[in-house]
Amino acid sequence: MNLVLTNKGTVTCTLQGWPGVSFVGDGNGTQIGQAAVFDRASPHATVTVAPGATATSVLRIVQAGNYSSADCKPTPADGFRVYPPGQKASVFAAKSGLTACASKSVSLLTVSGLK
């Protein structure tokens, strides 16, 4: 799936690297399981984003059903918490129909560098 970050400000900004992404749930933004692994093989040059423009990253999701219930601890997710590179503030991206693994030993998410 494509993860799209939109510059909603009035000035141009730059981003470089990978967004931080994790499943969240419980209706309150609680992180579920392990955060996304960075695909370090993906290009990650500095991206200049004008007001209203976007930067995109590919988010790969492995199905929780590929793991045993004991290893995964399947848990419904409400969506994703996304941290733009270099930021401490996050945004919430709602997405229904997701199942995360509550276990920290299973990694379901991989994210590419922004372009």
N, C-alpha and C. Protein backbone atom coordinates (compact mmCIF):
# COMPACT_ATOMS: atom_id res chain seq x y z
N MET A 1 0.85 -1.16 0.00
CA MET A 1 0.00 0.00 0.00
C MET A 1 0.90 1.22 0.00
N ASN A 2 0.42 2.30 -0.60
CA ASN A 2 1.16 3.55 -0.58
C ASN A 2 0.77 4.37 0.63
N LEU A 3 1.77 4.91 1.28
CA LEU A 3 1.60 5.81 2.40
C LEU A 3 1.92 7.20 1.86
N VAL A 4 0.96 8.11 1.91
CA VAL A 4 1.11 9.42 1.30
C VAL A 4 1.07 10.49 2.39
N LEU A 5 2.13 11.31 2.44
CA LEU A 5 2.19 12.44 3.37
C LEU A 5 1.98 13.72 2.57
N THR A 6 1.04 14.54 3.00
CA THR A 6 0.70 15.78 2.32
C THR A 6 1.16 16.97 3.14
N ASN A 7 1.81 17.92 2.49
CA ASN A 7 2.21 19.16 3.15
C ASN A 7 0.98 20.06 3.25
N LYS A 8 0.42 20.16 4.44
CA LYS A 8 -0.77 20.99 4.67
C LYS A 8 -0.41 22.41 5.10
N GLY A 9 0.88 22.69 5.17
CA GLY A 9 1.35 24.02 5.58
C GLY A 9 1.35 25.00 4.43
N THR A 10 1.91 26.17 4.71
CA THR A 10 1.96 27.24 3.71
C THR A 10 3.37 27.46 3.17
N VAL A 11 4.34 26.70 3.67
CA VAL A 11 5.72 26.82 3.18
C VAL A 11 6.23 25.44 2.75
N THR A 12 7.19 25.46 1.83
CA THR A 12 7.81 24.22 1.36
C THR A 12 8.61 23.59 2.49
N CYS A 13 8.60 22.26 2.56
CA CYS A 13 9.39 21.54 3.55
C CYS A 13 10.22 20.47 2.85
N THR A 14 11.18 19.92 3.56
CA THR A 14 11.96 18.80 3.03
C THR A 14 11.87 17.64 4.00
N LEU A 15 11.88 16.45 3.45
CA LEU A 15 11.86 15.21 4.23
C LEU A 15 12.95 14.31 3.68
N GLN A 16 13.59 13.55 4.56
CA GLN A 16 14.60 12.61 4.10
C GLN A 16 14.55 11.38 4.99
N GLY A 17 14.42 10.22 4.36
CA GLY A 17 14.45 8.98 5.11
C GLY A 17 13.14 8.23 5.10
N TRP A 18 12.90 7.53 6.19
CA TRP A 18 11.77 6.63 6.29
C TRP A 18 10.79 7.15 7.35
N PRO A 19 9.51 7.07 7.07
CA PRO A 19 8.54 7.41 8.12
C PRO A 19 8.48 6.28 9.15
N GLY A 20 8.26 6.64 10.40
CA GLY A 20 8.02 5.63 11.43
C GLY A 20 6.55 5.24 11.35
N VAL A 21 6.28 3.93 11.31
CA VAL A 21 4.90 3.45 11.16
C VAL A 21 4.67 2.29 12.12
N SER A 22 3.51 2.28 12.76
CA SER A 22 3.11 1.15 13.60
C SER A 22 1.60 0.99 13.55
N PHE A 23 1.16 -0.23 13.81
CA PHE A 23 -0.27 -0.48 13.98
C PHE A 23 -0.70 0.14 15.30
N VAL A 24 -1.94 0.65 15.35
CA VAL A 24 -2.52 1.14 16.59
C VAL A 24 -3.94 0.60 16.74
N GLY A 25 -4.40 0.55 17.99
CA GLY A 25 -5.74 0.01 18.21
C GLY A 25 -6.33 0.46 19.53
N ASP A 26 -7.29 -0.31 20.00
CA ASP A 26 -8.03 -0.06 21.25
C ASP A 26 -8.83 1.24 21.21
N GLY A 27 -9.00 1.82 20.00
CA GLY A 27 -9.77 3.05 19.88
C GLY A 27 -9.10 4.26 20.48
N ASN A 28 -7.83 4.09 20.95
CA ASN A 28 -7.15 5.21 21.60
C ASN A 28 -5.71 5.42 21.12
N GLY A 29 -5.32 4.75 20.05
CA GLY A 29 -3.98 4.96 19.51
C GLY A 29 -2.88 4.15 20.16
N THR A 30 -3.24 3.13 20.94
CA THR A 30 -2.24 2.28 21.58
C THR A 30 -1.49 1.48 20.52
N GLN A 31 -0.15 1.54 20.54
CA GLN A 31 0.64 0.78 19.57
C GLN A 31 0.43 -0.71 19.79
N ILE A 32 0.33 -1.43 18.67
CA ILE A 32 0.18 -2.88 18.70
C ILE A 32 1.43 -3.49 18.07
N GLY A 33 2.13 -4.31 18.83
CA GLY A 33 3.28 -5.03 18.29
C GLY A 33 4.45 -4.15 17.91
N GLN A 34 5.24 -4.70 17.00
CA GLN A 34 6.49 -4.08 16.58
C GLN A 34 6.26 -2.99 15.52
N ALA A 35 7.01 -1.91 15.60
CA ALA A 35 6.96 -0.87 14.57
C ALA A 35 7.54 -1.40 13.26
N ALA A 36 7.25 -0.70 12.17
CA ALA A 36 7.73 -1.10 10.85
C ALA A 36 9.25 -1.12 10.79
N VAL A 37 9.75 -2.08 10.05
CA VAL A 37 11.17 -2.17 9.75
C VAL A 37 11.44 -1.28 8.55
N PHE A 38 12.55 -0.53 8.56
CA PHE A 38 12.92 0.30 7.42
C PHE A 38 13.53 -0.56 6.32
N ASP A 39 13.05 -0.40 5.10
CA ASP A 39 13.65 -1.05 3.94
C ASP A 39 14.86 -0.21 3.54
N ARG A 40 16.00 -0.53 4.07
CA ARG A 40 17.21 0.27 3.87
C ARG A 40 17.76 0.16 2.45
N ALA A 41 17.24 -0.77 1.65
CA ALA A 41 17.65 -0.90 0.26
C ALA A 41 16.91 0.09 -0.64
N SER A 42 15.84 0.70 -0.13
CA SER A 42 15.05 1.63 -0.94
C SER A 42 15.75 2.99 -1.00
N PRO A 43 15.60 3.71 -2.12
CA PRO A 43 16.17 5.06 -2.22
C PRO A 43 15.57 5.96 -1.13
N HIS A 44 16.38 6.87 -0.62
CA HIS A 44 15.88 7.76 0.44
C HIS A 44 16.52 9.14 0.35
N ALA A 45 16.50 9.68 -0.84
CA ALA A 45 17.03 11.03 -1.06
C ALA A 45 16.12 12.06 -0.40
N THR A 46 16.63 13.27 -0.23
CA THR A 46 15.82 14.35 0.33
C THR A 46 14.71 14.70 -0.66
N VAL A 47 13.49 14.80 -0.14
CA VAL A 47 12.32 15.11 -0.96
C VAL A 47 11.84 16.51 -0.57
N THR A 48 11.67 17.38 -1.55
CA THR A 48 11.13 18.72 -1.31
C THR A 48 9.62 18.68 -1.58
N VAL A 49 8.86 19.12 -0.59
CA VAL A 49 7.40 19.04 -0.68
C VAL A 49 6.79 20.44 -0.55
N ALA A 50 6.27 20.93 -1.66
CA ALA A 50 5.63 22.25 -1.69
C ALA A 50 4.27 22.18 -0.98
N PRO A 51 3.72 23.30 -0.56
CA PRO A 51 2.38 23.30 0.05
C PRO A 51 1.38 22.60 -0.87
N GLY A 52 0.63 21.67 -0.31
CA GLY A 52 -0.36 20.91 -1.07
C GLY A 52 0.20 19.71 -1.80
N ALA A 53 1.52 19.60 -1.90
CA ALA A 53 2.15 18.47 -2.60
C ALA A 53 2.33 17.30 -1.63
N THR A 54 2.77 16.16 -2.18
CA THR A 54 2.88 14.94 -1.38
C THR A 54 4.23 14.27 -1.54
N ALA A 55 4.55 13.45 -0.56
CA ALA A 55 5.67 12.52 -0.60
C ALA A 55 5.09 11.15 -0.33
N THR A 56 5.62 10.12 -0.99
CA THR A 56 5.04 8.78 -0.91
C THR A 56 6.07 7.76 -0.46
N SER A 57 5.61 6.78 0.30
CA SER A 57 6.41 5.65 0.74
C SER A 57 5.58 4.39 0.53
N VAL A 58 6.25 3.29 0.26
CA VAL A 58 5.54 2.02 0.13
C VAL A 58 5.55 1.33 1.49
N LEU A 59 4.36 0.92 1.94
CA LEU A 59 4.20 0.19 3.19
C LEU A 59 3.79 -1.24 2.84
N ARG A 60 4.65 -2.18 3.14
CA ARG A 60 4.34 -3.59 2.89
C ARG A 60 3.84 -4.21 4.19
N ILE A 61 2.74 -4.98 4.07
CA ILE A 61 2.11 -5.59 5.24
C ILE A 61 2.04 -7.10 5.03
N VAL A 62 2.66 -7.85 5.91
CA VAL A 62 2.56 -9.30 5.90
C VAL A 62 1.28 -9.66 6.66
N GLN A 63 0.55 -10.63 6.16
CA GLN A 63 -0.69 -11.04 6.80
C GLN A 63 -0.42 -11.73 8.14
N ALA A 64 -1.12 -11.30 9.18
CA ALA A 64 -0.96 -11.90 10.51
C ALA A 64 -1.29 -13.39 10.47
N GLY A 65 -2.19 -13.80 9.56
CA GLY A 65 -2.57 -15.21 9.44
C GLY A 65 -1.45 -16.11 8.97
N ASN A 66 -0.33 -15.53 8.54
CA ASN A 66 0.83 -16.34 8.15
C ASN A 66 1.55 -16.92 9.36
N TYR A 67 1.19 -16.46 10.56
CA TYR A 67 1.83 -16.89 11.79
C TYR A 67 0.82 -17.62 12.67
N SER A 68 1.31 -18.49 13.52
CA SER A 68 0.42 -19.18 14.45
C SER A 68 -0.14 -18.15 15.44
N SER A 69 -1.31 -18.45 15.97
CA SER A 69 -1.92 -17.54 16.96
C SER A 69 -1.02 -17.37 18.17
N ALA A 70 -0.33 -18.44 18.55
CA ALA A 70 0.55 -18.37 19.72
C ALA A 70 1.73 -17.43 19.46
N ASP A 71 2.28 -17.46 18.25
CA ASP A 71 3.43 -16.61 17.92
C ASP A 71 3.01 -15.17 17.67
N CYS A 72 1.84 -14.97 17.06
CA CYS A 72 1.39 -13.65 16.63
C CYS A 72 0.58 -12.90 17.68
N LYS A 73 -0.32 -13.59 18.34
CA LYS A 73 -1.32 -12.96 19.21
C LYS A 73 -2.14 -11.95 18.39
N PRO A 74 -2.93 -12.43 17.40
CA PRO A 74 -3.67 -11.54 16.50
C PRO A 74 -4.57 -10.57 17.26
N THR A 75 -4.53 -9.31 16.81
CA THR A 75 -5.27 -8.24 17.46
C THR A 75 -5.82 -7.30 16.40
N PRO A 76 -7.11 -6.94 16.46
CA PRO A 76 -7.63 -5.97 15.49
C PRO A 76 -6.94 -4.61 15.65
N ALA A 77 -6.67 -3.96 14.53
CA ALA A 77 -6.05 -2.63 14.54
C ALA A 77 -7.02 -1.62 13.95
N ASP A 78 -6.91 -0.37 14.42
CA ASP A 78 -7.76 0.73 13.93
C ASP A 78 -7.11 1.47 12.76
N GLY A 79 -5.82 1.26 12.58
CA GLY A 79 -5.06 1.96 11.54
C GLY A 79 -3.61 2.03 11.92
N PHE A 80 -2.96 3.15 11.53
CA PHE A 80 -1.52 3.30 11.71
C PHE A 80 -1.19 4.63 12.38
N ARG A 81 -0.14 4.62 13.18
CA ARG A 81 0.48 5.86 13.64
C ARG A 81 1.67 6.08 12.73
N VAL A 82 1.80 7.31 12.20
CA VAL A 82 2.86 7.61 11.24
C VAL A 82 3.63 8.83 11.74
N TYR A 83 4.94 8.67 11.83
CA TYR A 83 5.84 9.77 12.17
C TYR A 83 6.61 10.16 10.93
N PRO A 84 6.42 11.38 10.41
CA PRO A 84 7.28 11.82 9.30
C PRO A 84 8.74 11.78 9.76
N PRO A 85 9.68 11.53 8.85
CA PRO A 85 11.09 11.47 9.24
C PRO A 85 11.53 12.71 10.00
N GLY A 86 12.24 12.49 11.11
CA GLY A 86 12.77 13.60 11.90
C GLY A 86 11.77 14.30 12.79
N GLN A 87 10.54 13.81 12.86
CA GLN A 87 9.50 14.47 13.65
C GLN A 87 9.17 13.66 14.91
N LYS A 88 8.74 14.35 15.95
CA LYS A 88 8.30 13.70 17.19
C LYS A 88 6.78 13.65 17.29
N ALA A 89 6.11 14.42 16.43
CA ALA A 89 4.64 14.42 16.40
C ALA A 89 4.19 13.43 15.34
N SER A 90 3.13 12.70 15.63
CA SER A 90 2.63 11.69 14.70
C SER A 90 1.26 12.07 14.16
N VAL A 91 0.86 11.38 13.12
CA VAL A 91 -0.49 11.50 12.59
C VAL A 91 -1.11 10.11 12.59
N PHE A 92 -2.43 10.06 12.66
CA PHE A 92 -3.16 8.80 12.64
C PHE A 92 -3.77 8.60 11.27
N ALA A 93 -3.58 7.41 10.72
CA ALA A 93 -4.20 7.05 9.45
C ALA A 93 -5.15 5.89 9.71
N ALA A 94 -6.46 6.17 9.66
CA ALA A 94 -7.46 5.14 9.91
C ALA A 94 -7.50 4.15 8.75
N LYS A 95 -7.66 2.88 9.08
CA LYS A 95 -7.80 1.83 8.06
C LYS A 95 -8.52 0.67 8.72
N SER A 96 -9.68 0.31 8.19
CA SER A 96 -10.44 -0.79 8.80
C SER A 96 -9.98 -2.13 8.22
N GLY A 97 -10.34 -3.19 8.91
CA GLY A 97 -10.07 -4.53 8.44
C GLY A 97 -8.65 -5.02 8.65
N LEU A 98 -7.89 -4.36 9.51
CA LEU A 98 -6.50 -4.75 9.75
C LEU A 98 -6.40 -5.68 10.95
N THR A 99 -5.51 -6.65 10.84
CA THR A 99 -5.16 -7.50 11.97
C THR A 99 -3.67 -7.39 12.19
N ALA A 100 -3.28 -6.97 13.38
CA ALA A 100 -1.88 -6.84 13.76
C ALA A 100 -1.48 -8.03 14.63
N CYS A 101 -0.20 -8.15 14.89
CA CYS A 101 0.31 -9.13 15.85
C CYS A 101 0.75 -8.37 17.09
N ALA A 102 0.15 -8.70 18.23
CA ALA A 102 0.52 -8.04 19.47
C ALA A 102 1.91 -8.47 19.93
N SER A 103 2.37 -9.61 19.47
CA SER A 103 3.69 -10.11 19.85
C SER A 103 4.78 -9.23 19.25
N LYS A 104 5.77 -8.86 20.06
CA LYS A 104 6.90 -8.05 19.59
C LYS A 104 7.90 -8.90 18.80
N SER A 105 7.71 -10.22 18.79
CA SER A 105 8.65 -11.09 18.07
C SER A 105 8.29 -11.27 16.61
N VAL A 106 7.13 -10.74 16.19
CA VAL A 106 6.68 -10.86 14.80
C VAL A 106 6.65 -9.47 14.17
N SER A 107 7.26 -9.36 13.00
CA SER A 107 7.30 -8.08 12.29
C SER A 107 6.43 -8.18 11.05
N LEU A 108 5.34 -7.40 10.99
CA LEU A 108 4.42 -7.43 9.85
C LEU A 108 4.62 -6.27 8.88
N LEU A 109 5.25 -5.19 9.31
CA LEU A 109 5.34 -3.97 8.51
C LEU A 109 6.76 -3.68 8.05
N THR A 110 6.90 -3.30 6.78
CA THR A 110 8.16 -2.82 6.23
C THR A 110 7.84 -1.56 5.44
N VAL A 111 8.63 -0.49 5.64
CA VAL A 111 8.37 0.79 4.99
C VAL A 111 9.59 1.23 4.19
N SER A 112 9.32 1.75 2.98
CA SER A 112 10.40 2.25 2.12
C SER A 112 10.68 3.71 2.42
N GLY A 113 11.79 4.21 1.92
CA GLY A 113 12.11 5.63 2.04
C GLY A 113 11.11 6.46 1.25
N LEU A 114 10.94 7.69 1.67
CA LEU A 114 10.01 8.60 0.97
C LEU A 114 10.58 9.02 -0.37
N LYS A 115 9.67 9.22 -1.31
CA LYS A 115 10.07 9.74 -2.63
C LYS A 115 9.00 10.69 -3.12
